[in-house]
Every structure is written in C-alpha cells, then in structure tokens.
Amino acid sequence: MQRVWRTVTGFYYVCARGTDKQLIFEGDEDRWEFLELMRDCCREAGVTVIAWCLMGNHVHLVLADYEDRMSAAMHRLLLTYARRFNKRTGRTGHLFQNRFDRRSLDTDWQVMEAIRSVHADPQEAGVSLIERYPWSSFAEHLCAYDGDAADVARGFSDPSCVLELFGSAEGFITHSLSTPDGGEPALGDMKETEWERHAFADKLAKRLGVPLNGVKAAPPAQRDTVVVGLNNAGFTVRQIERYTGISKSTVSRIVRARARTAMRAGGNVM
C-alpha cells in the first residue's frame, strides 16, 4: 500500500544523507552551491524552506509544501548537486542514499521542535555551538527578528513562519538553546556523531595546511595553527588531544599562549 506523507499543516522535516556516510561537502564552495540549488529548486516548485542545516555527511531541512511538490524539488536538488559534485571530485556512483527521510509535522509544537532540532544538530554532534555554526539558518532567523530586511532577502530560508511561531527573538533563542527534557544535548548515534566530528576536524585541519593525523609531527608553528583553529571551531582540548595524539597539557599550553598573544595585540591596538 502506498504510504501517505501529506500533513494538514503542510510542514515537513526532511533529512538527506550521504551513501555509507559519504561526505557530501568537500569545502565551502560545495556548501554554497548546495544552498543556491536548494533555493532555486524549492522556489520553482513552490516549496518554502523554513530551516536548514548542512553537516558533513547529511542535510537537515524543515519545509513547507502545500502543493505536494516536495518530492520533485528534493529529487531535482539532490540529483543535480550529486552530478556536479561527482564531476568536480572525479568520483562515481550514488552520492546520497536512494530515499531521503521525511516526517510530517502536524502541530505548531512539532514545527517548533523540528526547527530547534535542525539548528541544534552541530552542537549535539560536538562540532560547534548552535550560535557559532555558520552553515545553518539560525543566523538568518535572528536577522529577521532584528528587522534586517536586506540580510533576510539574501538568505536561503523564509523566517516569517518562525517569527509567527516564536513571537520574539528572546523566545526563539530560548527555545533554540534548550533541550526537550531540560538536560544535556542528546548525542543520538554515538558512532555516527563521533565519525562526523572527526571528519569535520580533519577537513578543517587540511584547510589549515596539514591532515589531522599529521598534526603531531608537523613543525611547531603549523601544529599550533591547527590546534588553535580546531579550538576556535568549537573543539575541546580533550577532543583535540584524542584526534591529534598531542598531549592534553601541550594542547592547553598552545591555546593559552595564543589567547595571551591575542590579548596583548588587542591591548596594543587600544
């Protein structure tokens, strides 16, 4: 029997994952291309992007679809992006799992929780704090509350629904930074989140000049640059120790030394 996906509210949570945990973004250029394709495909299909978050090997979305066009929009988006990604990277085969996950959101509360969950994924994965992660719609929604029409127009989501649901910036922030049970952020599947944290750290280390497994043996200046870069991206001292093999005391010393240097530089400017 055919499964019925339609919901009376028109809102859906959607997740598209890379095949066998395949990374779907090699760098920021890929992320920008995906976002631009997402905007174009959804607009042309009459589907509204309410919230989004790009992770290393998957994408979270909250969509509004009143004309049953979401499947067509997602199919075009994922197929077009996969073809361009494969051509650019020289890989072959499926980039995404055959079927993207979707769940109907039947109440305002479910929509609010889906938006919170989408924005919270980087923090729950140990990648970055919600408010510091650059690849989600969290900042776009804050701009909408600030009344910055120009920034909102350049964004990739329609925050009008969020404005109506949460009522105020304070309400949106409070709900976004909370957890369903008031406790610590849930980690979910530890194998997946640990893999994703490590993959994210490795990509960042490579952009800073050396693979993650080569940081320990790198020249001191290069080693320190990577360690500080990882720490600035939200990785803890213990995570950096585990991923690089550099002792906790050394990582702490590097981070503290760079912080003191930055403070002195700031004082000199004053």
Protein backbone atom coordinates (compact mmCIF):
# COMPACT_ATOMS: atom_id res chain seq x y z
CA MET A 1 0.00 0.00 0.00
CA GLN A 2 1.30 3.46 -0.88
CA ARG A 3 2.39 5.50 2.12
CA VAL A 4 0.65 8.85 2.53
CA TRP A 5 3.03 11.64 3.50
CA ARG A 6 0.76 14.67 3.36
CA THR A 7 0.07 16.59 6.54
CA VAL A 8 -2.70 19.03 7.39
CA THR A 9 -0.20 21.76 8.33
CA GLY A 10 1.92 21.47 5.17
CA PHE A 11 5.16 21.31 7.21
CA TYR A 12 7.74 18.53 6.97
CA TYR A 13 11.09 17.59 8.44
CA VAL A 14 13.50 16.25 5.78
CA CYS A 15 16.94 14.67 6.03
CA ALA A 16 19.19 13.63 3.12
CA ARG A 17 22.26 11.52 3.93
CA GLY A 18 25.37 10.57 2.01
CA THR A 19 25.60 6.92 0.96
CA ASP A 20 27.54 4.87 3.53
CA LYS A 21 28.31 8.07 5.46
CA GLN A 22 29.96 9.58 2.37
CA LEU A 23 30.96 13.22 2.86
CA ILE A 24 28.73 15.34 0.64
CA PHE A 25 30.70 18.58 1.04
CA GLU A 26 34.43 18.92 0.32
CA GLY A 27 34.56 22.61 1.18
CA ASP A 28 32.63 25.84 1.50
CA GLU A 29 32.25 26.15 -2.27
CA ASP A 30 30.21 22.93 -2.23
CA ARG A 31 28.03 24.22 0.59
CA TRP A 32 27.27 27.48 -1.21
CA GLU A 33 26.40 25.58 -4.37
CA PHE A 34 24.04 23.27 -2.48
CA LEU A 35 22.29 26.21 -0.82
CA GLU A 36 21.84 28.07 -4.10
CA LEU A 37 20.48 24.94 -5.77
CA MET A 38 18.17 24.35 -2.80
CA ARG A 39 16.78 27.86 -3.08
CA ASP A 40 16.25 27.59 -6.83
CA CYS A 41 14.70 24.10 -6.82
CA CYS A 42 12.35 24.85 -3.95
CA ARG A 43 11.23 28.23 -5.28
CA GLU A 44 10.48 26.82 -8.72
CA ALA A 45 8.46 24.00 -7.16
CA GLY A 46 6.58 26.30 -4.78
CA VAL A 47 8.20 24.72 -1.70
CA THR A 48 9.30 27.01 1.15
CA VAL A 49 12.49 26.38 3.12
CA ILE A 50 11.74 27.18 6.78
CA ALA A 51 15.02 26.00 8.33
CA TRP A 52 18.19 24.26 7.16
CA CYS A 53 21.49 22.89 8.42
CA LEU A 54 24.38 21.43 6.42
CA MET A 55 26.53 18.83 8.17
CA GLY A 56 29.46 16.81 6.88
CA ASN A 57 27.54 13.86 5.50
CA HIS A 58 23.89 14.91 5.74
CA VAL A 59 21.48 17.81 5.44
CA HIS A 60 18.52 18.73 7.70
CA LEU A 61 15.58 20.76 6.40
CA VAL A 62 12.19 21.97 7.56
CA LEU A 63 9.99 22.59 4.52
CA ALA A 64 6.51 23.95 3.88
CA ASP A 65 4.78 22.22 0.97
CA TYR A 66 1.11 22.88 0.26
CA GLU A 67 1.02 21.57 -3.32
CA ASP A 68 2.67 18.16 -2.85
CA ARG A 69 5.77 19.27 -4.79
CA MET A 70 8.41 18.46 -2.20
CA SER A 71 9.44 15.12 -3.71
CA ALA A 72 10.04 16.67 -7.12
CA ALA A 73 12.03 19.55 -5.63
CA MET A 74 14.20 17.28 -3.47
CA HIS A 75 14.79 14.83 -6.31
CA ARG A 76 15.98 17.61 -8.61
CA LEU A 77 18.12 19.20 -5.88
CA LEU A 78 19.92 16.02 -4.83
CA LEU A 79 20.37 14.69 -8.36
CA THR A 80 21.74 17.97 -9.74
CA TYR A 81 24.07 18.52 -6.81
CA ALA A 82 25.34 14.90 -6.91
CA ARG A 83 26.15 15.15 -10.63
CA ARG A 84 28.10 18.39 -10.14
CA PHE A 85 29.87 17.08 -7.03
CA ASN A 86 30.90 13.83 -8.74
CA LYS A 87 32.16 15.68 -11.82
CA ARG A 88 34.17 18.12 -9.70
CA THR A 89 35.70 15.46 -7.44
CA GLY A 90 36.11 12.68 -10.00
CA ARG A 91 34.01 10.19 -8.05
CA THR A 92 31.29 7.91 -9.47
CA GLY A 93 28.16 6.29 -8.10
CA HIS A 94 25.38 7.48 -5.82
CA LEU A 95 26.28 10.36 -3.52
CA PHE A 96 23.03 10.27 -1.50
CA GLN A 97 21.03 7.39 -0.12
CA ASN A 98 18.25 6.41 -2.51
CA ARG A 99 15.44 7.76 -0.35
CA PHE A 100 15.56 10.91 1.73
CA ASP A 101 13.88 10.75 5.13
CA ARG A 102 10.82 12.87 5.76
CA ARG A 103 8.35 13.23 8.60
CA SER A 104 5.12 15.19 8.74
CA LEU A 105 4.81 17.92 11.36
CA ASP A 106 1.18 18.07 12.44
CA THR A 107 1.18 20.72 15.18
CA ASP A 108 2.86 24.07 15.84
CA TRP A 109 4.83 22.46 18.65
CA GLN A 110 6.21 19.80 16.28
CA VAL A 111 7.26 22.52 13.83
CA MET A 112 8.99 24.45 16.63
CA GLU A 113 10.76 21.32 17.85
CA ALA A 114 11.87 20.44 14.31
CA ILE A 115 13.36 23.92 13.85
CA ARG A 116 15.13 23.62 17.21
CA SER A 117 16.45 20.16 16.35
CA VAL A 118 17.75 21.23 12.94
CA HIS A 119 19.72 24.14 14.42
CA ALA A 120 20.94 22.06 17.38
CA ASP A 121 22.49 19.24 15.33
CA PRO A 122 26.03 20.73 15.17
CA GLN A 123 26.07 21.15 18.95
CA GLU A 124 24.65 17.70 19.62
CA ALA A 125 27.29 16.26 17.29
CA GLY A 126 30.04 18.06 19.21
CA VAL A 127 31.01 20.12 16.17
CA SER A 128 30.10 23.67 17.20
CA LEU A 129 27.83 25.70 19.42
CA ILE A 130 24.47 26.42 17.79
CA GLU A 131 25.06 30.16 17.62
CA ARG A 132 28.59 29.77 16.21
CA TYR A 133 27.86 27.27 13.45
CA PRO A 134 27.97 29.08 10.07
CA TRP A 135 26.06 26.54 7.98
CA SER A 136 22.53 26.73 9.35
CA SER A 137 19.59 29.14 9.13
CA PHE A 138 19.92 30.13 12.82
CA ALA A 139 21.59 33.46 11.96
CA GLU A 140 19.03 34.16 9.21
CA HIS A 141 16.21 33.87 11.72
CA LEU A 142 17.94 36.22 14.14
CA CYS A 143 18.35 38.77 11.32
CA ALA A 144 14.62 38.58 10.72
CA TYR A 145 13.95 39.45 14.35
CA ASP A 146 16.43 42.32 14.09
CA GLY A 147 14.44 43.68 11.16
CA ASP A 148 17.39 43.47 8.75
CA ALA A 149 15.40 43.09 5.53
CA ALA A 150 18.49 43.13 3.29
CA ASP A 151 20.14 40.21 5.10
CA VAL A 152 16.86 38.28 5.16
CA ALA A 153 16.44 38.74 1.41
CA ARG A 154 19.92 37.31 0.82
CA GLY A 155 19.19 34.27 2.97
CA PHE A 156 18.12 30.78 1.98
CA SER A 157 15.11 30.38 4.27
CA ASP A 158 11.80 32.14 4.83
CA PRO A 159 11.76 33.18 8.51
CA SER A 160 8.20 34.53 8.52
CA CYS A 161 6.88 31.27 9.95
CA VAL A 162 9.50 31.39 12.72
CA LEU A 163 8.57 34.98 13.57
CA GLU A 164 4.94 33.95 13.96
CA LEU A 165 5.62 30.78 15.96
CA PHE A 166 8.08 32.17 18.49
CA GLY A 167 6.84 35.75 18.69
CA SER A 168 10.09 37.32 19.83
CA ALA A 169 13.84 36.94 19.44
CA GLU A 170 14.08 36.01 23.11
CA GLY A 171 11.53 33.23 22.68
CA PHE A 172 13.28 31.90 19.61
CA ILE A 173 16.72 31.92 21.24
CA THR A 174 15.49 30.38 24.49
CA HIS A 175 13.73 27.54 22.67
CA SER A 176 16.63 27.02 20.25
CA LEU A 177 19.21 26.67 23.02
CA SER A 178 17.06 24.37 25.16
CA THR A 179 16.71 20.59 25.08
CA PRO A 180 13.41 18.66 25.17
CA ASP A 181 14.00 17.37 28.71
CA GLY A 182 15.94 20.36 30.02
CA GLY A 183 19.11 18.26 30.29
CA GLU A 184 22.29 17.96 28.26
CA PRO A 185 22.00 17.81 24.43
CA ALA A 186 21.27 14.28 23.24
CA LEU A 187 24.10 12.61 21.35
CA GLY A 188 21.98 10.12 19.43
CA ASP A 189 24.02 7.54 17.50
CA MET A 190 27.50 7.83 19.02
CA LYS A 191 29.24 6.06 16.15
CA GLU A 192 27.80 8.47 13.62
CA THR A 193 28.39 11.63 15.61
CA GLU A 194 31.94 10.64 16.51
CA TRP A 195 32.68 9.88 12.87
CA GLU A 196 31.23 13.22 11.87
CA ARG A 197 33.19 15.15 14.49
CA HIS A 198 36.42 13.51 13.34
CA ALA A 199 35.65 14.12 9.65
CA PHE A 200 34.85 17.78 10.31
CA ALA A 201 38.10 18.19 12.29
CA ASP A 202 40.12 16.52 9.53
CA LYS A 203 38.66 18.80 6.86
CA LEU A 204 39.44 21.86 8.95
CA ALA A 205 43.00 20.67 9.65
CA LYS A 206 43.62 20.12 5.93
CA ARG A 207 42.40 23.63 5.16
CA LEU A 208 44.93 24.85 7.72
CA GLY A 209 47.73 23.01 5.95
CA VAL A 210 48.14 19.52 7.38
CA PRO A 211 45.97 16.36 7.71
CA LEU A 212 44.70 15.60 11.19
CA ASN A 213 46.90 12.52 11.55
CA GLY A 214 49.96 14.59 10.67
CA VAL A 215 49.46 17.44 13.12
CA LYS A 216 51.54 15.88 15.89
CA ALA A 217 54.60 15.53 13.64
CA ALA A 218 54.18 18.91 11.92
CA PRO A 219 56.57 21.83 12.57
CA PRO A 220 55.60 23.66 15.80
CA ALA A 221 54.24 26.77 14.07
CA GLN A 222 52.00 24.74 11.76
CA ARG A 223 50.98 22.42 14.60
CA ASP A 224 49.98 25.38 16.76
CA THR A 225 47.95 26.95 13.94
CA VAL A 226 45.89 23.78 13.51
CA VAL A 227 45.37 23.30 17.25
CA VAL A 228 44.16 26.89 17.69
CA GLY A 229 41.99 26.62 14.58
CA LEU A 230 40.30 23.48 15.93
CA ASN A 231 39.74 25.13 19.30
CA ASN A 232 38.26 28.24 17.66
CA ALA A 233 35.88 25.98 15.72
CA GLY A 234 34.47 24.66 18.99
CA PHE A 235 36.55 21.51 19.61
CA THR A 236 37.52 20.96 23.24
CA VAL A 237 41.05 20.35 24.48
CA ARG A 238 40.19 16.68 25.11
CA GLN A 239 38.80 16.25 21.60
CA ILE A 240 41.91 17.80 20.05
CA GLU A 241 44.08 15.53 22.21
CA ARG A 242 42.16 12.47 21.03
CA TYR A 243 42.14 13.41 17.34
CA THR A 244 45.78 14.53 17.04
CA GLY A 245 47.62 12.45 19.63
CA ILE A 246 49.10 15.62 21.15
CA SER A 247 49.03 15.57 24.95
CA LYS A 248 46.34 17.48 26.81
CA SER A 249 48.92 19.66 28.55
CA THR A 250 50.53 20.65 25.24
CA VAL A 251 47.18 21.46 23.63
CA SER A 252 46.21 23.59 26.65
CA ARG A 253 49.54 25.41 26.55
CA ILE A 254 49.17 26.20 22.84
CA VAL A 255 45.62 27.50 23.28
CA ARG A 256 46.51 29.63 26.30
CA ALA A 257 49.62 31.05 24.60
CA ARG A 258 47.66 32.07 21.52
CA ALA A 259 44.96 33.65 23.70
CA ARG A 260 47.58 35.70 25.58
CA THR A 261 49.10 36.83 22.29
CA ALA A 262 45.68 37.95 21.04
CA MET A 263 45.02 39.85 24.25
CA ARG A 264 48.36 41.66 24.05
CA ALA A 265 47.71 42.54 20.41
CA GLY A 266 44.30 43.91 21.35
CA GLY A 267 45.83 45.94 24.14
CA ASN A 268 48.40 47.42 21.79
CA VAL A 269 45.68 48.50 19.41
CA MET A 270 43.96 50.35 22.21
